[in-house]
């Protein structure tokens, strides 16, 4: 773990000082870097300017957080958090249905937005 803490800052410095200027100079990448000069510009360009891809990655992140819910809760000092969430959903299963309907509505809207552009 220590090597990771020592290597990552050096790799970031090497990227920003040496590799990034070289990539800026490549003609094929000039339009990408011109469009993606800010952090959010880079995120938007890497997503292919697609809200659907961005939404899919957001849902993947949420799924990953729920997958790691037990270790995260234990680290935060509440090892029974998953049981508490399951107990709340068992008492009120309509909340899960509302969340799924919301996810579905946002996905459909993002997809229709993409279809409407073509």
N, C-alpha and C. Protein backbone atom coordinates (compact mmCIF):
# COMPACT_ATOMS: atom_id res chain seq x y z
N UNK A 1 0.83 -1.19 0.00
CA UNK A 1 0.00 0.00 0.00
C UNK A 1 0.87 1.25 0.00
N UNK A 2 2.01 1.16 0.67
CA UNK A 2 2.91 2.31 0.73
C UNK A 2 3.44 2.68 -0.64
N UNK A 3 3.75 1.66 -1.46
CA UNK A 3 4.26 1.95 -2.80
C UNK A 3 3.23 2.71 -3.63
N UNK A 4 1.94 2.40 -3.42
CA UNK A 4 0.88 3.09 -4.15
C UNK A 4 0.84 4.57 -3.74
N UNK A 5 0.98 4.83 -2.47
CA UNK A 5 0.97 6.21 -1.97
C UNK A 5 2.16 6.99 -2.52
N UNK A 6 3.28 6.32 -2.72
CA UNK A 6 4.46 6.99 -3.24
C UNK A 6 4.47 7.10 -4.76
N UNK A 7 3.88 6.14 -5.46
CA UNK A 7 3.94 6.12 -6.92
C UNK A 7 2.89 7.04 -7.56
N UNK A 8 1.69 7.11 -7.01
CA UNK A 8 0.61 7.87 -7.63
C UNK A 8 0.96 9.36 -7.78
N UNK A 9 1.46 10.05 -6.75
CA UNK A 9 1.81 11.46 -6.97
C UNK A 9 2.89 11.65 -8.04
N UNK A 10 3.88 10.77 -8.08
CA UNK A 10 4.91 10.84 -9.10
C UNK A 10 4.36 10.62 -10.50
N UNK A 11 3.45 9.67 -10.62
CA UNK A 11 2.83 9.40 -11.92
C UNK A 11 1.98 10.59 -12.37
N UNK A 12 1.25 11.20 -11.45
CA UNK A 12 0.46 12.38 -11.80
C UNK A 12 1.35 13.54 -12.24
N UNK A 13 2.43 13.76 -11.53
CA UNK A 13 3.36 14.83 -11.92
C UNK A 13 3.96 14.56 -13.29
N UNK A 14 4.35 13.32 -13.54
CA UNK A 14 4.92 12.97 -14.85
C UNK A 14 3.89 13.19 -15.95
N UNK A 15 2.65 12.85 -15.70
CA UNK A 15 1.61 13.06 -16.70
C UNK A 15 1.44 14.54 -17.01
N UNK A 16 1.28 15.36 -15.96
CA UNK A 16 1.02 16.78 -16.17
C UNK A 16 2.23 17.53 -16.72
N UNK A 17 3.44 17.11 -16.36
CA UNK A 17 4.63 17.84 -16.80
C UNK A 17 5.15 17.38 -18.15
N UNK A 18 5.03 16.08 -18.46
CA UNK A 18 5.66 15.56 -19.67
C UNK A 18 4.66 15.03 -20.69
N UNK A 19 3.78 14.15 -20.27
CA UNK A 19 2.89 13.47 -21.22
C UNK A 19 1.79 14.37 -21.75
N UNK A 20 1.19 15.17 -20.90
CA UNK A 20 0.07 16.03 -21.33
C UNK A 20 0.48 17.02 -22.42
N UNK A 21 1.63 17.72 -22.32
CA UNK A 21 2.02 18.61 -23.42
C UNK A 21 2.25 17.86 -24.74
N UNK A 22 2.77 16.65 -24.65
CA UNK A 22 2.98 15.86 -25.87
C UNK A 22 1.64 15.49 -26.49
N UNK A 23 0.67 15.10 -25.65
CA UNK A 23 -0.65 14.75 -26.16
C UNK A 23 -1.36 15.97 -26.75
N UNK A 24 -1.15 17.15 -26.16
CA UNK A 24 -1.74 18.37 -26.70
C UNK A 24 -1.21 18.67 -28.09
N UNK A 25 0.03 18.30 -28.36
CA UNK A 25 0.67 18.62 -29.64
C UNK A 25 0.26 17.67 -30.76
N UNK A 26 -0.29 16.50 -30.45
CA UNK A 26 -0.70 15.54 -31.48
C UNK A 26 -1.93 16.08 -32.20
N UNK A 27 -1.87 16.21 -33.53
CA UNK A 27 -3.00 16.81 -34.27
C UNK A 27 -4.33 16.07 -34.09
N UNK A 28 -4.28 14.76 -33.99
CA UNK A 28 -5.52 13.98 -33.85
C UNK A 28 -6.22 14.25 -32.52
N UNK A 29 -5.48 14.67 -31.51
CA UNK A 29 -6.05 14.90 -30.18
C UNK A 29 -6.30 16.37 -29.89
N UNK A 30 -5.94 17.28 -30.80
CA UNK A 30 -6.11 18.71 -30.54
C UNK A 30 -7.57 19.07 -30.30
N UNK A 31 -8.49 18.52 -31.09
CA UNK A 31 -9.90 18.85 -30.90
C UNK A 31 -10.42 18.32 -29.57
N UNK A 32 -9.96 17.13 -29.18
CA UNK A 32 -10.39 16.58 -27.88
C UNK A 32 -9.93 17.48 -26.74
N UNK A 33 -8.65 17.86 -26.76
CA UNK A 33 -8.13 18.69 -25.68
C UNK A 33 -8.70 20.11 -25.72
N UNK A 34 -9.04 20.60 -26.91
CA UNK A 34 -9.66 21.93 -26.99
C UNK A 34 -11.05 21.89 -26.36
N UNK A 35 -11.76 20.79 -26.57
CA UNK A 35 -13.11 20.64 -26.02
C UNK A 35 -13.07 20.30 -24.53
N UNK A 36 -12.07 19.56 -24.11
CA UNK A 36 -12.00 19.03 -22.75
C UNK A 36 -10.90 19.72 -21.96
N UNK A 37 -11.00 21.03 -21.82
CA UNK A 37 -9.96 21.74 -21.10
C UNK A 37 -10.23 21.81 -19.60
N UNK A 38 -11.48 21.73 -19.18
CA UNK A 38 -11.80 21.73 -17.76
C UNK A 38 -12.08 20.30 -17.30
N UNK A 39 -12.22 20.11 -16.00
CA UNK A 39 -12.50 18.76 -15.48
C UNK A 39 -13.82 18.23 -16.03
N UNK A 40 -14.88 19.05 -15.94
CA UNK A 40 -16.19 18.59 -16.40
C UNK A 40 -16.22 18.45 -17.91
N UNK A 41 -15.43 19.26 -18.60
CA UNK A 41 -15.31 19.10 -20.05
C UNK A 41 -14.68 17.77 -20.41
N UNK A 42 -13.68 17.36 -19.63
CA UNK A 42 -13.05 16.05 -19.86
C UNK A 42 -14.03 14.91 -19.59
N UNK A 43 -14.77 15.04 -18.49
CA UNK A 43 -15.75 13.99 -18.16
C UNK A 43 -16.77 13.88 -19.29
N UNK A 44 -17.28 15.01 -19.75
CA UNK A 44 -18.29 15.02 -20.81
C UNK A 44 -17.72 14.43 -22.10
N UNK A 45 -16.48 14.77 -22.44
CA UNK A 45 -15.87 14.24 -23.66
C UNK A 45 -15.60 12.75 -23.54
N UNK A 46 -15.15 12.30 -22.37
CA UNK A 46 -14.89 10.87 -22.19
C UNK A 46 -16.18 10.04 -22.22
N UNK A 47 -17.29 10.65 -21.86
CA UNK A 47 -18.58 9.96 -21.93
C UNK A 47 -19.12 9.94 -23.35
N UNK A 48 -18.39 10.54 -24.28
CA UNK A 48 -18.87 10.58 -25.66
C UNK A 48 -20.03 11.54 -25.83
N UNK A 49 -20.12 12.52 -24.94
CA UNK A 49 -21.22 13.50 -24.93
C UNK A 49 -22.57 12.79 -24.90
N UNK A 50 -22.65 11.77 -24.07
CA UNK A 50 -23.87 10.98 -23.96
C UNK A 50 -24.36 10.96 -22.52
N UNK A 51 -25.57 11.46 -22.32
CA UNK A 51 -26.17 11.45 -20.98
C UNK A 51 -26.47 10.01 -20.56
N UNK A 52 -26.80 9.16 -21.52
CA UNK A 52 -27.11 7.76 -21.21
C UNK A 52 -25.88 7.05 -20.63
N UNK A 53 -24.72 7.29 -21.22
CA UNK A 53 -23.49 6.67 -20.70
C UNK A 53 -23.18 7.22 -19.31
N UNK A 54 -23.32 8.52 -19.14
CA UNK A 54 -23.08 9.13 -17.84
C UNK A 54 -24.03 8.55 -16.79
N UNK A 55 -25.30 8.39 -17.12
CA UNK A 55 -26.28 7.82 -16.20
C UNK A 55 -25.94 6.37 -15.88
N UNK A 56 -25.53 5.61 -16.87
CA UNK A 56 -25.14 4.22 -16.64
C UNK A 56 -23.96 4.10 -15.69
N UNK A 57 -22.98 4.97 -15.86
CA UNK A 57 -21.83 4.94 -14.96
C UNK A 57 -22.21 5.41 -13.55
N UNK A 58 -23.12 6.35 -13.45
CA UNK A 58 -23.62 6.77 -12.14
C UNK A 58 -24.30 5.60 -11.43
N UNK A 59 -25.15 4.87 -12.15
CA UNK A 59 -25.82 3.71 -11.55
C UNK A 59 -24.83 2.62 -11.17
N UNK A 60 -23.79 2.45 -11.97
CA UNK A 60 -22.74 1.49 -11.64
C UNK A 60 -22.05 1.89 -10.34
N UNK A 61 -21.79 3.19 -10.18
CA UNK A 61 -21.18 3.67 -8.94
C UNK A 61 -22.06 3.43 -7.74
N UNK A 62 -23.36 3.69 -7.89
CA UNK A 62 -24.30 3.44 -6.79
C UNK A 62 -24.33 1.95 -6.46
N UNK A 63 -24.35 1.11 -7.47
CA UNK A 63 -24.33 -0.33 -7.25
C UNK A 63 -23.07 -0.79 -6.53
N UNK A 64 -21.94 -0.19 -6.89
CA UNK A 64 -20.68 -0.53 -6.23
C UNK A 64 -20.70 -0.12 -4.77
N UNK A 65 -21.26 1.04 -4.49
CA UNK A 65 -21.36 1.49 -3.09
C UNK A 65 -22.24 0.51 -2.29
N UNK A 66 -23.36 0.08 -2.88
CA UNK A 66 -24.22 -0.87 -2.16
C UNK A 66 -23.54 -2.23 -2.01
N UNK A 67 -22.71 -2.61 -2.97
CA UNK A 67 -21.98 -3.87 -2.85
C UNK A 67 -21.00 -3.80 -1.67
N UNK A 68 -20.39 -2.65 -1.47
CA UNK A 68 -19.42 -2.48 -0.40
C UNK A 68 -20.04 -1.87 0.85
N UNK A 69 -21.34 -1.99 1.00
CA UNK A 69 -22.04 -1.37 2.12
C UNK A 69 -21.57 -1.91 3.47
N UNK A 70 -21.39 -3.21 3.57
CA UNK A 70 -20.94 -3.80 4.85
C UNK A 70 -19.56 -3.30 5.27
N UNK A 71 -18.54 -3.38 4.39
CA UNK A 71 -17.23 -2.88 4.83
C UNK A 71 -17.23 -1.37 5.12
N UNK A 72 -17.97 -0.60 4.33
CA UNK A 72 -18.03 0.85 4.57
C UNK A 72 -18.71 1.13 5.91
N UNK A 73 -19.81 0.44 6.18
CA UNK A 73 -20.53 0.65 7.44
C UNK A 73 -19.68 0.24 8.63
N UNK A 74 -18.94 -0.85 8.49
CA UNK A 74 -18.07 -1.29 9.58
C UNK A 74 -16.97 -0.27 9.82
N UNK A 75 -16.42 0.27 8.74
CA UNK A 75 -15.37 1.29 8.89
C UNK A 75 -15.92 2.56 9.55
N UNK A 76 -17.19 2.87 9.30
CA UNK A 76 -17.81 4.05 9.90
C UNK A 76 -18.36 3.79 11.29
N UNK A 77 -18.30 2.54 11.75
CA UNK A 77 -18.71 2.23 13.11
C UNK A 77 -20.14 1.75 13.25
N UNK A 78 -20.79 1.35 12.17
CA UNK A 78 -22.17 0.86 12.24
C UNK A 78 -22.26 -0.46 11.46
N UNK A 79 -21.83 -1.57 12.07
CA UNK A 79 -21.80 -2.83 11.34
C UNK A 79 -23.18 -3.39 10.99
N UNK A 80 -24.23 -2.87 11.59
CA UNK A 80 -25.57 -3.38 11.32
C UNK A 80 -26.33 -2.52 10.31
N UNK A 81 -25.65 -1.68 9.54
CA UNK A 81 -26.32 -0.78 8.61
C UNK A 81 -27.08 -1.54 7.53
N UNK A 82 -26.48 -2.60 7.00
CA UNK A 82 -27.15 -3.37 5.95
C UNK A 82 -28.42 -4.01 6.50
N UNK A 83 -28.37 -4.53 7.71
CA UNK A 83 -29.56 -5.12 8.33
C UNK A 83 -30.63 -4.06 8.55
N UNK A 84 -30.23 -2.86 8.91
CA UNK A 84 -31.19 -1.78 9.11
C UNK A 84 -31.85 -1.38 7.80
N UNK A 85 -31.06 -1.32 6.73
CA UNK A 85 -31.63 -1.00 5.41
C UNK A 85 -32.60 -2.10 4.97
N UNK A 86 -32.22 -3.35 5.16
CA UNK A 86 -33.09 -4.47 4.77
C UNK A 86 -34.37 -4.46 5.61
N UNK A 87 -34.27 -4.15 6.87
CA UNK A 87 -35.45 -4.09 7.73
C UNK A 87 -36.39 -2.97 7.27
N UNK A 88 -35.83 -1.83 6.91
CA UNK A 88 -36.66 -0.71 6.43
C UNK A 88 -37.34 -1.07 5.11
N UNK A 89 -36.63 -1.77 4.23
CA UNK A 89 -37.24 -2.16 2.94
C UNK A 89 -38.29 -3.26 3.14
N UNK A 90 -38.09 -4.10 4.13
CA UNK A 90 -39.06 -5.17 4.38
C UNK A 90 -40.37 -4.57 4.88
N UNK A 91 -40.27 -3.52 5.69
CA UNK A 91 -41.47 -2.87 6.21
C UNK A 91 -42.15 -2.00 5.16
N UNK A 92 -41.36 -1.43 4.24
CA UNK A 92 -41.89 -0.53 3.21
C UNK A 92 -41.36 -0.90 1.83
N UNK A 93 -41.84 -1.98 1.24
CA UNK A 93 -41.28 -2.40 -0.05
C UNK A 93 -41.61 -1.44 -1.19
N UNK A 94 -42.60 -0.56 -1.00
CA UNK A 94 -42.94 0.37 -2.07
C UNK A 94 -41.80 1.37 -2.32
N UNK A 95 -40.94 1.63 -1.34
CA UNK A 95 -39.81 2.54 -1.56
C UNK A 95 -38.89 2.01 -2.65
N UNK A 96 -38.63 0.71 -2.63
CA UNK A 96 -37.79 0.11 -3.66
C UNK A 96 -38.46 0.25 -5.03
N UNK A 97 -39.76 0.08 -5.08
CA UNK A 97 -40.49 0.24 -6.34
C UNK A 97 -40.41 1.69 -6.83
N UNK A 98 -40.51 2.65 -5.92
CA UNK A 98 -40.42 4.06 -6.31
C UNK A 98 -39.03 4.38 -6.86
N UNK A 99 -38.01 3.85 -6.22
CA UNK A 99 -36.64 4.08 -6.70
C UNK A 99 -36.46 3.47 -8.09
N UNK A 100 -36.95 2.27 -8.29
CA UNK A 100 -36.83 1.63 -9.60
C UNK A 100 -37.59 2.40 -10.68
N UNK A 101 -38.78 2.92 -10.35
CA UNK A 101 -39.54 3.71 -11.32
C UNK A 101 -38.81 5.01 -11.65
N UNK A 102 -38.18 5.62 -10.65
CA UNK A 102 -37.41 6.84 -10.90
C UNK A 102 -36.21 6.58 -11.79
N UNK A 103 -35.49 5.49 -11.52
CA UNK A 103 -34.34 5.12 -12.36
C UNK A 103 -34.80 4.86 -13.78
N UNK A 104 -35.90 4.16 -13.92
CA UNK A 104 -36.43 3.86 -15.25
C UNK A 104 -36.83 5.13 -15.99
N UNK A 105 -37.47 6.06 -15.31
CA UNK A 105 -37.90 7.30 -15.95
C UNK A 105 -36.71 8.13 -16.42
N UNK A 106 -35.67 8.21 -15.60
CA UNK A 106 -34.48 8.97 -15.99
C UNK A 106 -33.78 8.29 -17.16
N UNK A 107 -33.69 6.97 -17.14
CA UNK A 107 -33.06 6.25 -18.24
C UNK A 107 -33.83 6.44 -19.54
N UNK A 108 -35.13 6.37 -19.49
CA UNK A 108 -35.95 6.57 -20.69
C UNK A 108 -35.79 8.00 -21.21
N UNK A 109 -35.80 8.98 -20.31
CA UNK A 109 -35.64 10.37 -20.73
C UNK A 109 -34.27 10.60 -21.37
N UNK A 110 -33.23 10.02 -20.78
CA UNK A 110 -31.88 10.18 -21.35
C UNK A 110 -31.79 9.52 -22.72
N UNK A 111 -32.41 8.37 -22.86
CA UNK A 111 -32.38 7.66 -24.14
C UNK A 111 -33.17 8.42 -25.20
N UNK A 112 -34.34 8.94 -24.84
CA UNK A 112 -35.14 9.71 -25.80
C UNK A 112 -34.42 10.99 -26.21
N UNK A 113 -33.68 11.57 -25.29
CA UNK A 113 -32.89 12.76 -25.62
C UNK A 113 -31.87 12.42 -26.70
N UNK A 114 -31.22 11.26 -26.56
CA UNK A 114 -30.23 10.83 -27.54
C UNK A 114 -30.87 10.50 -28.88
N UNK A 115 -32.04 9.87 -28.84
CA UNK A 115 -32.74 9.50 -30.07
C UNK A 115 -33.23 10.76 -30.79
N UNK A 116 -33.66 11.75 -30.03
CA UNK A 116 -34.15 12.99 -30.62
C UNK A 116 -33.08 13.80 -31.33
N UNK A 117 -31.81 13.59 -30.98
CA UNK A 117 -30.71 14.32 -31.60
C UNK A 117 -30.40 13.83 -33.00
N UNK A 118 -30.69 12.58 -33.28
CA UNK A 118 -30.31 12.02 -34.59
C UNK A 118 -31.34 12.27 -35.64
